[in-house]
Structure formats: structure tokens, C-alpha cells
PDB file of all heavy atoms in Angstrom:
ATOM      1  N   LYS A   1       0.850  -1.176   0.119  1.00  0.00           N
ATOM      2  CA  LYS A   1       0.043   0.029  -0.015  1.00  0.00           C
ATOM      3  C   LYS A   1       0.925   1.273  -0.022  1.00  0.00           C
ATOM      4  O   LYS A   1       2.006   1.341   0.686  1.00  0.00           O
ATOM      5  CB  LYS A   1      -0.914   0.112   1.211  1.00  0.00           C
ATOM      6  CG  LYS A   1      -1.985  -0.993   1.245  1.00  0.00           C
ATOM      7  CD  LYS A   1      -2.885  -0.796   2.524  1.00  0.00           C
ATOM      8  CE  LYS A   1      -3.954  -1.757   2.569  1.00  0.00           C
ATOM      9  NZ  LYS A   1      -4.928  -1.563   3.628  1.00  0.00           N
ATOM     10  N   TYR A   2       0.367   2.258  -0.823  1.00  0.00           N
ATOM     11  CA  TYR A   2       1.213   3.601  -0.757  1.00  0.00           C
ATOM     12  C   TYR A   2       0.167   4.668  -0.454  1.00  0.00           C
ATOM     13  O   TYR A   2      -0.986   4.553  -0.878  1.00  0.00           O
ATOM     14  CB  TYR A   2       1.731   3.842  -2.091  1.00  0.00           C
ATOM     15  CG  TYR A   2       2.979   2.986  -2.505  1.00  0.00           C
ATOM     16  CD1 TYR A   2       2.757   1.923  -3.520  1.00  0.00           C
ATOM     17  CD2 TYR A   2       4.254   3.078  -1.922  1.00  0.00           C
ATOM     18  CE1 TYR A   2       3.889   1.219  -3.869  1.00  0.00           C
ATOM     19  CE2 TYR A   2       5.204   2.369  -2.292  1.00  0.00           C
ATOM     20  CZ  TYR A   2       5.018   1.379  -3.242  1.00  0.00           C
ATOM     21  OH  TYR A   2       6.109   0.597  -3.672  1.00  0.00           O
ATOM     22  N   ALA A   3       0.657   5.756   0.163  1.00  0.00           N
ATOM     23  CA  ALA A   3      -0.140   6.903   0.223  1.00  0.00           C
ATOM     24  C   ALA A   3      -0.335   7.427  -1.245  1.00  0.00           C
ATOM     25  O   ALA A   3       0.764   7.305  -2.026  1.00  0.00           O
ATOM     26  CB  ALA A   3       0.552   7.931   1.157  1.00  0.00           C
ATOM     27  N   ASP A   4      -1.349   8.139  -1.427  1.00  0.00           N
ATOM     28  CA  ASP A   4      -1.665   8.635  -2.901  1.00  0.00           C
ATOM     29  C   ASP A   4      -0.562   9.633  -3.168  1.00  0.00           C
ATOM     30  O   ASP A   4      -0.038   9.720  -4.364  1.00  0.00           O
ATOM     31  CB  ASP A   4      -2.996   9.347  -2.911  1.00  0.00           C
ATOM     32  CG  ASP A   4      -4.123   8.431  -2.968  1.00  0.00           C
ATOM     33  OD1 ASP A   4      -3.878   7.112  -3.267  1.00  0.00           O
ATOM     34  OD2 ASP A   4      -5.353   8.843  -2.669  1.00  0.00           O
ATOM     35  N   SER A   5       0.009  10.382  -2.235  1.00  0.00           N
ATOM     36  CA  SER A   5       0.972  11.433  -2.597  1.00  0.00           C
ATOM     37  C   SER A   5       2.313  10.941  -2.932  1.00  0.00           C
ATOM     38  O   SER A   5       3.239  11.618  -3.521  1.00  0.00           O
ATOM     39  CB  SER A   5       1.058  12.247  -1.209  1.00  0.00           C
ATOM     40  OG  SER A   5       1.536  11.626  -0.147  1.00  0.00           O
ATOM     41  N   VAL A   6       2.546   9.634  -2.782  1.00  0.00           N
ATOM     42  CA  VAL A   6       3.924   8.990  -3.099  1.00  0.00           C
ATOM     43  C   VAL A   6       3.903   8.050  -4.203  1.00  0.00           C
ATOM     44  O   VAL A   6       5.034   7.558  -4.522  1.00  0.00           O
ATOM     45  CB  VAL A   6       4.655   8.397  -1.869  1.00  0.00           C
ATOM     46  CG1 VAL A   6       4.633   9.572  -0.716  1.00  0.00           C
ATOM     47  CG2 VAL A   6       3.964   7.201  -1.433  1.00  0.00           C
ATOM     48  N   LYS A   7       2.678   7.685  -4.668  1.00  0.00           N
ATOM     49  CA  LYS A   7       2.607   6.722  -5.727  1.00  0.00           C
ATOM     50  C   LYS A   7       3.307   7.128  -6.987  1.00  0.00           C
ATOM     51  O   LYS A   7       3.208   8.305  -7.467  1.00  0.00           O
ATOM     52  CB  LYS A   7       1.091   6.448  -5.939  1.00  0.00           C
ATOM     53  CG  LYS A   7       0.311   5.587  -4.949  1.00  0.00           C
ATOM     54  CD  LYS A   7      -1.142   5.468  -5.467  1.00  0.00           C
ATOM     55  CE  LYS A   7      -1.877   4.676  -4.298  1.00  0.00           C
ATOM     56  NZ  LYS A   7      -3.341   4.457  -4.714  1.00  0.00           N
ATOM     57  N   GLY A   8       4.023   6.208  -7.490  1.00  0.00           N
ATOM     58  CA  GLY A   8       4.869   6.517  -8.666  1.00  0.00           C
ATOM     59  C   GLY A   8       6.212   7.013  -8.424  1.00  0.00           C
ATOM     60  O   GLY A   8       7.014   7.268  -9.331  1.00  0.00           O
ATOM     61  N   ARG A   9       6.529   7.449  -7.038  1.00  0.00           N
ATOM     62  CA  ARG A   9       7.776   8.093  -6.718  1.00  0.00           C
ATOM     63  C   ARG A   9       8.550   7.279  -5.747  1.00  0.00           C
ATOM     64  O   ARG A   9       9.748   7.271  -5.814  1.00  0.00           O
ATOM     65  CB  ARG A   9       7.545   9.483  -6.092  1.00  0.00           C
ATOM     66  CG  ARG A   9       6.869  10.499  -7.157  1.00  0.00           C
ATOM     67  CD  ARG A   9       6.764  11.865  -6.588  1.00  0.00           C
ATOM     68  NE  ARG A   9       6.209  12.043  -5.331  1.00  0.00           N
ATOM     69  CZ  ARG A   9       6.616  12.373  -4.156  1.00  0.00           C
ATOM     70  NH1 ARG A   9       7.895  12.686  -4.151  1.00  0.00           N
ATOM     71  NH2 ARG A   9       5.781  12.492  -3.004  1.00  0.00           N
ATOM     72  N   PHE A  10       7.811   6.583  -4.839  1.00  0.00           N
ATOM     73  CA  PHE A  10       8.513   5.791  -3.785  1.00  0.00           C
ATOM     74  C   PHE A  10       8.205   4.312  -4.092  1.00  0.00           C
ATOM     75  O   PHE A  10       7.216   3.897  -4.664  1.00  0.00           O
ATOM     76  CB  PHE A  10       7.792   6.130  -2.463  1.00  0.00           C
ATOM     77  CG  PHE A  10       8.072   7.534  -1.780  1.00  0.00           C
ATOM     78  CD1 PHE A  10       8.759   8.492  -2.773  1.00  0.00           C
ATOM     79  CD2 PHE A  10       7.827   7.831  -0.605  1.00  0.00           C
ATOM     80  CE1 PHE A  10       9.022   9.573  -2.162  1.00  0.00           C
ATOM     81  CE2 PHE A  10       8.090   8.960   0.014  1.00  0.00           C
ATOM     82  CZ  PHE A  10       8.702  10.049  -0.844  1.00  0.00           C
ATOM     83  N   ALA A  11       9.223   3.477  -3.696  1.00  0.00           N
ATOM     84  CA  ALA A  11       8.969   2.048  -3.732  1.00  0.00           C
ATOM     85  C   ALA A  11       9.499   1.369  -2.551  1.00  0.00           C
ATOM     86  O   ALA A  11      10.574   1.515  -2.141  1.00  0.00           O
ATOM     87  CB  ALA A  11       9.828   1.518  -5.045  1.00  0.00           C
ATOM     88  N   ILE A  12       8.554   0.546  -1.914  1.00  0.00           N
ATOM     89  CA  ILE A  12       8.871  -0.201  -0.747  1.00  0.00           C
ATOM     90  C   ILE A  12       9.276  -1.594  -1.146  1.00  0.00           C
ATOM     91  O   ILE A  12       8.745  -2.223  -2.024  1.00  0.00           O
ATOM     92  CB  ILE A  12       7.736  -0.076   0.183  1.00  0.00           C
ATOM     93  CG1 ILE A  12       8.050  -0.639   1.629  1.00  0.00           C
ATOM     94  CG2 ILE A  12       6.530  -0.892  -0.324  1.00  0.00           C
ATOM     95  CD1 ILE A  12       7.119  -0.443   2.746  1.00  0.00           C
ATOM     96  N   SER A  13      10.206  -2.118  -0.335  1.00  0.00           N
ATOM     97  CA  SER A  13      10.506  -3.630  -0.544  1.00  0.00           C
ATOM     98  C   SER A  13      10.942  -4.167   0.789  1.00  0.00           C
ATOM     99  O   SER A  13      11.117  -3.397   1.816  1.00  0.00           O
ATOM    100  CB  SER A  13      11.750  -3.732  -1.636  1.00  0.00           C
ATOM    101  OG  SER A  13      12.916  -2.909  -1.150  1.00  0.00           O
ATOM    102  N   ARG A  14      11.106  -5.483   0.869  1.00  0.00           N
ATOM    103  CA  ARG A  14      11.269  -6.071   2.083  1.00  0.00           C
ATOM    104  C   ARG A  14      12.214  -7.359   1.906  1.00  0.00           C
ATOM    105  O   ARG A  14      12.025  -7.987   0.921  1.00  0.00           O
ATOM    106  CB  ARG A  14       9.840  -6.428   2.690  1.00  0.00           C
ATOM    107  CG  ARG A  14       9.924  -7.175   3.929  1.00  0.00           C
ATOM    108  CD  ARG A  14       8.407  -7.278   4.464  1.00  0.00           C
ATOM    109  NE  ARG A  14       8.241  -8.231   5.642  1.00  0.00           N
ATOM    110  CZ  ARG A  14       7.263  -8.443   6.369  1.00  0.00           C
ATOM    111  NH1 ARG A  14       6.172  -7.697   6.058  1.00  0.00           N
ATOM    112  NH2 ARG A  14       7.169  -9.219   7.307  1.00  0.00           N
ATOM    113  N   ASP A  15      12.991  -7.635   2.918  1.00  0.00           N
ATOM    114  CA  ASP A  15      13.830  -8.939   2.970  1.00  0.00           C
ATOM    115  C   ASP A  15      13.259  -9.654   4.270  1.00  0.00           C
ATOM    116  O   ASP A  15      13.710  -9.314   5.279  1.00  0.00           O
ATOM    117  CB  ASP A  15      15.250  -8.559   2.989  1.00  0.00           C
ATOM    118  CG  ASP A  15      15.964  -9.878   2.926  1.00  0.00           C
ATOM    119  OD1 ASP A  15      15.539 -10.913   3.342  1.00  0.00           O
ATOM    120  OD2 ASP A  15      17.161  -9.840   2.534  1.00  0.00           O
ATOM    121  N   ASN A  16      12.373 -10.492   4.059  1.00  0.00           N
ATOM    122  CA  ASN A  16      11.762 -11.310   5.212  1.00  0.00           C
ATOM    123  C   ASN A  16      12.712 -11.988   6.076  1.00  0.00           C
ATOM    124  O   ASN A  16      12.771 -12.054   7.305  1.00  0.00           O
ATOM    125  CB  ASN A  16      10.671 -12.264   4.682  1.00  0.00           C
ATOM    126  CG  ASN A  16       9.520 -11.615   4.306  1.00  0.00           C
ATOM    127  OD1 ASN A  16       9.126 -10.407   4.618  1.00  0.00           O
ATOM    128  ND2 ASN A  16       8.836 -12.148   3.255  1.00  0.00           N
ATOM    129  N   ALA A  17      13.756 -12.527   5.501  1.00  0.00           N
ATOM    130  CA  ALA A  17      14.870 -13.318   6.185  1.00  0.00           C
ATOM    131  C   ALA A  17      15.651 -12.426   7.065  1.00  0.00           C
ATOM    132  O   ALA A  17      16.206 -12.946   8.034  1.00  0.00           O
ATOM    133  CB  ALA A  17      15.712 -14.069   5.129  1.00  0.00           C
ATOM    134  N   LYS A  18      15.756 -11.124   6.641  1.00  0.00           N
ATOM    135  CA  LYS A  18      16.714 -10.267   7.437  1.00  0.00           C
ATOM    136  C   LYS A  18      15.754  -9.272   8.281  1.00  0.00           C
ATOM    137  O   LYS A  18      16.378  -8.280   8.924  1.00  0.00           O
ATOM    138  CB  LYS A  18      17.500  -9.465   6.499  1.00  0.00           C
ATOM    139  CG  LYS A  18      18.485 -10.353   5.644  1.00  0.00           C
ATOM    140  CD  LYS A  18      19.336  -9.387   4.829  1.00  0.00           C
ATOM    141  CE  LYS A  18      20.429 -10.207   4.062  1.00  0.00           C
ATOM    142  NZ  LYS A  18      21.183  -9.407   3.184  1.00  0.00           N
ATOM    143  N   ASN A  19      14.473  -9.347   8.265  1.00  0.00           N
ATOM    144  CA  ASN A  19      13.565  -8.484   9.074  1.00  0.00           C
ATOM    145  C   ASN A  19      13.912  -7.048   8.577  1.00  0.00           C
ATOM    146  O   ASN A  19      14.001  -6.108   9.563  1.00  0.00           O
ATOM    147  CB  ASN A  19      13.631  -8.816  10.541  1.00  0.00           C
ATOM    148  CG  ASN A  19      12.888  -9.989  11.001  1.00  0.00           C
ATOM    149  OD1 ASN A  19      12.248 -10.612  10.200  1.00  0.00           O
ATOM    150  ND2 ASN A  19      13.041 -10.321  12.181  1.00  0.00           N
ATOM    151  N   THR A  20      14.106  -6.865   7.429  1.00  0.00           N
ATOM    152  CA  THR A  20      14.473  -5.434   6.903  1.00  0.00           C
ATOM    153  C   THR A  20      13.519  -4.934   5.942  1.00  0.00           C
ATOM    154  O   THR A  20      13.055  -5.739   4.964  1.00  0.00           O
ATOM    155  CB  THR A  20      15.825  -5.589   6.237  1.00  0.00           C
ATOM    156  OG1 THR A  20      16.722  -6.191   7.272  1.00  0.00           O
ATOM    157  CG2 THR A  20      16.302  -4.191   5.753  1.00  0.00           C
ATOM    158  N   VAL A  21      13.195  -3.734   6.030  1.00  0.00           N
ATOM    159  CA  VAL A  21      12.291  -3.027   4.944  1.00  0.00           C
ATOM    160  C   VAL A  21      13.035  -1.748   4.472  1.00  0.00           C
ATOM    161  O   VAL A  21      13.793  -1.141   5.217  1.00  0.00           O
ATOM    162  CB  VAL A  21      10.974  -2.665   5.577  1.00  0.00           C
ATOM    163  CG1 VAL A  21      11.158  -1.720   6.757  1.00  0.00           C
ATOM    164  CG2 VAL A  21       9.999  -2.114   4.619  1.00  0.00           C
ATOM    165  N   TYR A  22      12.813  -1.481   3.291  1.00  0.00           N
ATOM    166  CA  TYR A  22      13.584  -0.562   2.535  1.00  0.00           C
ATOM    167  C   TYR A  22      12.550   0.484   1.890  1.00  0.00           C
ATOM    168  O   TYR A  22      11.385  -0.009   1.507  1.00  0.00           O
ATOM    169  CB  TYR A  22      14.340  -0.971   1.360  1.00  0.00           C
ATOM    170  CG  TYR A  22      15.309  -2.081   1.773  1.00  0.00           C
ATOM    171  CD1 TYR A  22      15.026  -3.344   1.605  1.00  0.00           C
ATOM    172  CD2 TYR A  22      16.551  -1.755   2.210  1.00  0.00           C
ATOM    173  CE1 TYR A  22      16.009  -4.415   2.012  1.00  0.00           C
ATOM    174  CE2 TYR A  22      17.518  -2.768   2.688  1.00  0.00           C
ATOM    175  CZ  TYR A  22      17.097  -4.105   2.586  1.00  0.00           C
ATOM    176  OH  TYR A  22      18.033  -4.989   2.912  1.00  0.00           O
ATOM    177  N   LEU A  23      12.769   1.693   1.672  1.00  0.00           N
ATOM    178  CA  LEU A  23      11.997   2.588   0.952  1.00  0.00           C
ATOM    179  C   LEU A  23      12.831   3.560   0.094  1.00  0.00           C
ATOM    180  O   LEU A  23      13.719   4.329   0.632  1.00  0.00           O
ATOM    181  CB  LEU A  23      11.183   3.587   2.035  1.00  0.00           C
ATOM    182  CG  LEU A  23      10.210   4.482   1.361  1.00  0.00           C
ATOM    183  CD1 LEU A  23       9.113   3.716   0.831  1.00  0.00           C
ATOM    184  CD2 LEU A  23       9.835   5.562   2.350  1.00  0.00           C
ATOM    185  N   GLN A  24      12.757   3.330  -1.185  1.00  0.00           N
ATOM    186  CA  GLN A  24      13.347   4.007  -2.244  1.00  0.00           C
ATOM    187  C   GLN A  24      12.610   5.145  -2.588  1.00  0.00           C
ATOM    188  O   GLN A  24      11.337   5.068  -2.925  1.00  0.00           O
ATOM    189  CB  GLN A  24      13.723   3.231  -3.456  1.00  0.00           C
ATOM    190  CG  GLN A  24      14.322   3.890  -4.616  1.00  0.00           C
ATOM    191  CD  GLN A  24      15.667   4.446  -4.297  1.00  0.00           C
ATOM    192  OE1 GLN A  24      16.463   3.727  -3.574  1.00  0.00           O
ATOM    193  NE2 GLN A  24      15.957   5.726  -4.790  1.00  0.00           N
ATOM    194  N   MET A  25      13.070   6.440  -2.219  1.00  0.00           N
ATOM    195  CA  MET A  25      12.258   7.574  -2.531  1.00  0.00           C
ATOM    196  C   MET A  25      12.981   8.384  -3.596  1.00  0.00           C
ATOM    197  O   MET A  25      14.063   8.978  -3.528  1.00  0.00           O
ATOM    198  CB  MET A  25      12.210   8.399  -1.342  1.00  0.00           C
ATOM    199  CG  MET A  25      11.646   7.656  -0.010  1.00  0.00           C
ATOM    200  SD  MET A  25      11.481   8.736   1.548  1.00  0.00           S
ATOM    201  CE  MET A  25      13.171   9.099   1.851  1.00  0.00           C
ATOM    202  N   ASP A  26      12.293   8.594  -4.729  1.00  0.00           N
ATOM    203  CA  ASP A  26      12.666   9.457  -5.846  1.00  0.00           C
ATOM    204  C   ASP A  26      11.911  10.633  -6.002  1.00  0.00           C
ATOM    205  O   ASP A  26      10.704  10.762  -5.516  1.00  0.00           O
ATOM    206  CB  ASP A  26      12.522   8.615  -7.170  1.00  0.00           C
ATOM    207  CG  ASP A  26      13.576   7.355  -7.040  1.00  0.00           C
ATOM    208  OD1 ASP A  26      14.662   7.505  -6.475  1.00  0.00           O
ATOM    209  OD2 ASP A  26      13.199   6.229  -7.601  1.00  0.00           O
ATOM    210  N   SER A  27      12.337  11.537  -6.808  1.00  0.00           N
ATOM    211  CA  SER A  27      11.614  12.757  -7.035  1.00  0.00           C
ATOM    212  C   SER A  27      11.064  13.438  -5.952  1.00  0.00           C
ATOM    213  O   SER A  27       9.889  13.892  -5.886  1.00  0.00           O
ATOM    214  CB  SER A  27      10.517  12.608  -8.112  1.00  0.00           C
ATOM    215  OG  SER A  27      10.985  11.908  -9.372  1.00  0.00           O
ATOM    216  N   LEU A  28      11.963  13.593  -4.900  1.00  0.00           N
ATOM    217  CA  LEU A  28      11.504  14.181  -3.614  1.00  0.00           C
ATOM    218  C   LEU A  28      11.215  15.701  -3.822  1.00  0.00           C
ATOM    219  O   LEU A  28      11.896  16.349  -4.640  1.00  0.00           O
ATOM    220  CB  LEU A  28      12.608  13.969  -2.620  1.00  0.00           C
ATOM    221  CG  LEU A  28      12.725  12.614  -2.039  1.00  0.00           C
ATOM    222  CD1 LEU A  28      14.167  12.273  -1.414  1.00  0.00           C
ATOM    223  CD2 LEU A  28      11.611  12.271  -1.039  1.00  0.00           C
ATOM    224  N   ASN A  29      10.205  16.079  -3.006  1.00  0.00           N
ATOM    225  CA  ASN A  29       9.827  17.457  -2.994  1.00  0.00           C
ATOM    226  C   ASN A  29       9.675  17.981  -1.550  1.00  0.00           C
ATOM    227  O   ASN A  29       9.737  17.138  -0.623  1.00  0.00           O
ATOM    228  CB  ASN A  29       8.515  17.711  -3.786  1.00  0.00           C
ATOM    229  CG  ASN A  29       7.301  16.994  -3.281  1.00  0.00           C
ATOM    230  OD1 ASN A  29       7.001  17.105  -1.992  1.00  0.00           O
ATOM    231  ND2 ASN A  29       6.749  16.120  -4.033  1.00  0.00           N
ATOM    232  N   PRO A  30       9.754  19.316  -1.380  1.00  0.00           N
ATOM    233  CA  PRO A  30       9.711  19.699  -0.082  1.00  0.00           C
ATOM    234  C   PRO A  30       8.600  19.142   0.923  1.00  0.00           C
ATOM    235  O   PRO A  30       8.581  19.081   2.074  1.00  0.00           O
ATOM    236  CB  PRO A  30       9.561  21.203  -0.108  1.00  0.00           C
ATOM    237  CG  PRO A  30      10.255  21.566  -1.397  1.00  0.00           C
ATOM    238  CD  PRO A  30       9.897  20.297  -2.275  1.00  0.00           C
ATOM    239  N   GLU A  31       7.450  18.786   0.294  1.00  0.00           N
ATOM    240  CA  GLU A  31       6.272  18.229   1.024  1.00  0.00           C
ATOM    241  C   GLU A  31       6.553  16.865   1.581  1.00  0.00           C
ATOM    242  O   GLU A  31       5.851  16.404   2.548  1.00  0.00           O
ATOM    243  CB  GLU A  31       5.006  18.141   0.141  1.00  0.00           C
ATOM    244  CG  GLU A  31       4.381  19.408  -0.123  1.00  0.00           C
ATOM    245  CD  GLU A  31       5.206  20.322  -1.076  1.00  0.00           C
ATOM    246  OE1 GLU A  31       5.841  19.810  -2.010  1.00  0.00           O
ATOM    247  OE2 GLU A  31       5.299  21.640  -0.971  1.00  0.00           O
ATOM    248  N   ASP A  32       7.710  16.259   1.149  1.00  0.00           N
ATOM    249  CA  ASP A  32       8.113  14.855   1.609  1.00  0.00           C
ATOM    250  C   ASP A  32       8.856  15.091   2.861  1.00  0.00           C
ATOM    251  O   ASP A  32       9.231  13.890   3.496  1.00  0.00           O
ATOM    252  CB  ASP A  32       8.838  14.162   0.567  1.00  0.00           C
ATOM    253  CG  ASP A  32       8.049  13.834  -0.653  1.00  0.00           C
ATOM    254  OD1 ASP A  32       6.742  13.338  -0.607  1.00  0.00           O
ATOM    255  OD2 ASP A  32       8.594  14.089  -1.732  1.00  0.00           O
ATOM    256  N   ALA A  33       9.331  16.257   3.284  1.00  0.00           N
ATOM    257  CA  ALA A  33      10.198  16.446   4.457  1.00  0.00           C
ATOM    258  C   ALA A  33       9.399  15.987   5.669  1.00  0.00           C
ATOM    259  O   ALA A  33       8.218  16.082   5.835  1.00  0.00           O
ATOM    260  CB  ALA A  33      10.685  17.796   4.479  1.00  0.00           C
ATOM    261  N   GLY A  34      10.203  15.568   6.570  1.00  0.00           N
ATOM    262  CA  GLY A  34       9.693  15.214   7.902  1.00  0.00           C
ATOM    263  C   GLY A  34      10.505  14.032   8.623  1.00  0.00           C
ATOM    264  O   GLY A  34      11.594  13.623   8.089  1.00  0.00           O
ATOM    265  N   VAL A  35       9.909  13.434   9.665  1.00  0.00           N
ATOM    266  CA  VAL A  35      10.574  12.329  10.325  1.00  0.00           C
ATOM    267  C   VAL A  35       9.863  11.091   9.811  1.00  0.00           C
ATOM    268  O   VAL A  35       8.660  11.006   9.812  1.00  0.00           O
ATOM    269  CB  VAL A  35      10.478  12.327  11.832  1.00  0.00           C
ATOM    270  CG1 VAL A  35      11.095  11.184  12.532  1.00  0.00           C
ATOM    271  CG2 VAL A  35      11.091  13.769  12.397  1.00  0.00           C
ATOM    272  N   TYR A  36      10.665  10.247   9.281  1.00  0.00           N
ATOM    273  CA  TYR A  36      10.228   8.929   8.754  1.00  0.00           C
ATOM    274  C   TYR A  36      10.397   7.866   9.810  1.00  0.00           C
ATOM    275  O   TYR A  36      11.505   7.600  10.394  1.00  0.00           O
ATOM    276  CB  TYR A  36      10.826   8.551   7.414  1.00  0.00           C
ATOM    277  CG  TYR A  36      10.276   9.348   6.234  1.00  0.00           C
ATOM    278  CD1 TYR A  36      10.543  10.780   6.171  1.00  0.00           C
ATOM    279  CD2 TYR A  36       9.624   8.788   5.278  1.00  0.00           C
ATOM    280  CE1 TYR A  36      10.023  11.427   5.226  1.00  0.00           C
ATOM    281  CE2 TYR A  36       9.167   9.429   4.228  1.00  0.00           C
ATOM    282  CZ  TYR A  36       9.337  10.854   4.129  1.00  0.00           C
ATOM    283  OH  TYR A  36       8.814  11.531   3.184  1.00  0.00           O
ATOM    284  N   TYR A  37       9.317   7.248  10.317  1.00  0.00           N
ATOM    285  CA  TYR A  37       9.339   6.061  11.221  1.00  0.00           C
ATOM    286  C   TYR A  37       9.022   4.897  10.623  1.00  0.00           C
ATOM    287  O   TYR A  37       8.193   4.477  10.081  1.00  0.00           O
ATOM    288  CB  TYR A  37       8.147   6.459  12.190  1.00  0.00           C
ATOM    289  CG  TYR A  37       8.298   7.716  13.091  1.00  0.00           C
ATOM    290  CD1 TYR A  37       7.625   8.860  12.456  1.00  0.00           C
ATOM    291  CD2 TYR A  37       8.987   7.777  14.221  1.00  0.00           C
ATOM    292  CE1 TYR A  37       7.821  10.167  13.212  1.00  0.00           C
ATOM    293  CE2 TYR A  37       9.201   8.959  14.959  1.00  0.00           C
ATOM    294  CZ  TYR A  37       8.481  10.102  14.383  1.00  0.00           C
ATOM    295  OH  TYR A  37       8.635  11.273  15.030  1.00  0.00           O
ATOM    296  N   CYS A  38      10.092   3.970  10.995  1.00  0.00           N
ATOM    297  CA  CYS A  38       9.797   2.541  10.544  1.00  0.00           C
ATOM    298  C   CYS A  38       8.662   1.914  11.432  1.00  0.00           C
ATOM    299  O   CYS A  38       8.534   2.222  12.558  1.00  0.00           O
ATOM    300  CB  CYS A  38      11.151   1.786  10.813  1.00  0.00           C
ATOM    301  SG  CYS A  38      11.017   0.032  10.187  1.00  0.00           S
ATOM    302  N   TYR A  39       7.923   1.149  10.716  1.00  0.00           N
ATOM    303  CA  TYR A  39       6.723   0.559  11.396  1.00  0.00           C
ATOM    304  C   TYR A  39       6.712  -0.956  11.199  1.00  0.00           C
ATOM    305  O   TYR A  39       7.100  -1.351  10.107  1.00  0.00           O
ATOM    306  CB  TYR A  39       5.527   1.107  10.838  1.00  0.00           C
ATOM    307  CG  TYR A  39       4.276   0.371  11.180  1.00  0.00           C
ATOM    308  CD1 TYR A  39       3.595   0.378  12.232  1.00  0.00           C
ATOM    309  CD2 TYR A  39       3.682  -0.420  10.161  1.00  0.00           C
ATOM    310  CE1 TYR A  39       2.457  -0.356  12.494  1.00  0.00           C
ATOM    311  CE2 TYR A  39       2.416  -1.242  10.348  1.00  0.00           C
ATOM    312  CZ  TYR A  39       1.891  -1.138  11.481  1.00  0.00           C
ATOM    313  OH  TYR A  39       0.679  -1.801  11.812  1.00  0.00           O
ATOM    314  N   MET A  40       6.277  -1.674  12.244  1.00  0.00           N
ATOM    315  CA  MET A  40       6.023  -3.118  11.876  1.00  0.00           C
ATOM    316  C   MET A  40       4.873  -3.534  12.853  1.00  0.00           C
ATOM    317  O   MET A  40       4.660  -3.171  13.795  1.00  0.00           O
ATOM    318  CB  MET A  40       7.298  -3.941  12.234  1.00  0.00           C
ATOM    319  CG  MET A  40       7.787  -4.101  13.506  1.00  0.00           C
ATOM    320  SD  MET A  40       7.186  -5.689  14.161  1.00  0.00           S
ATOM    321  CE  MET A  40       8.262  -5.729  15.708  1.00  0.00           C
TER     322      MET A  40
END
């Protein structure tokens, strides 16, 4: 699932074996600024 505001610009992926999640963020704009919290 993606927030509408990031669709087409962000890509989430996950490595289950490593309990790791990634977020590739492209075409960043000032509205994307903030504190990003990992969630599980």
C-alpha cells in the first residue's frame, strides 16, 4: 500500500529473512520532508 501522494515516486521492498524493510524515494519534493518512522 502507498499513500496517494507518493505513488509512482516511492518504492517499498522487504527482505523477510533479514527482518528488513527499504523505502526508495525518488523525485523528492519539500512536502516529503519530515521524520520517517519505521513501522512493523
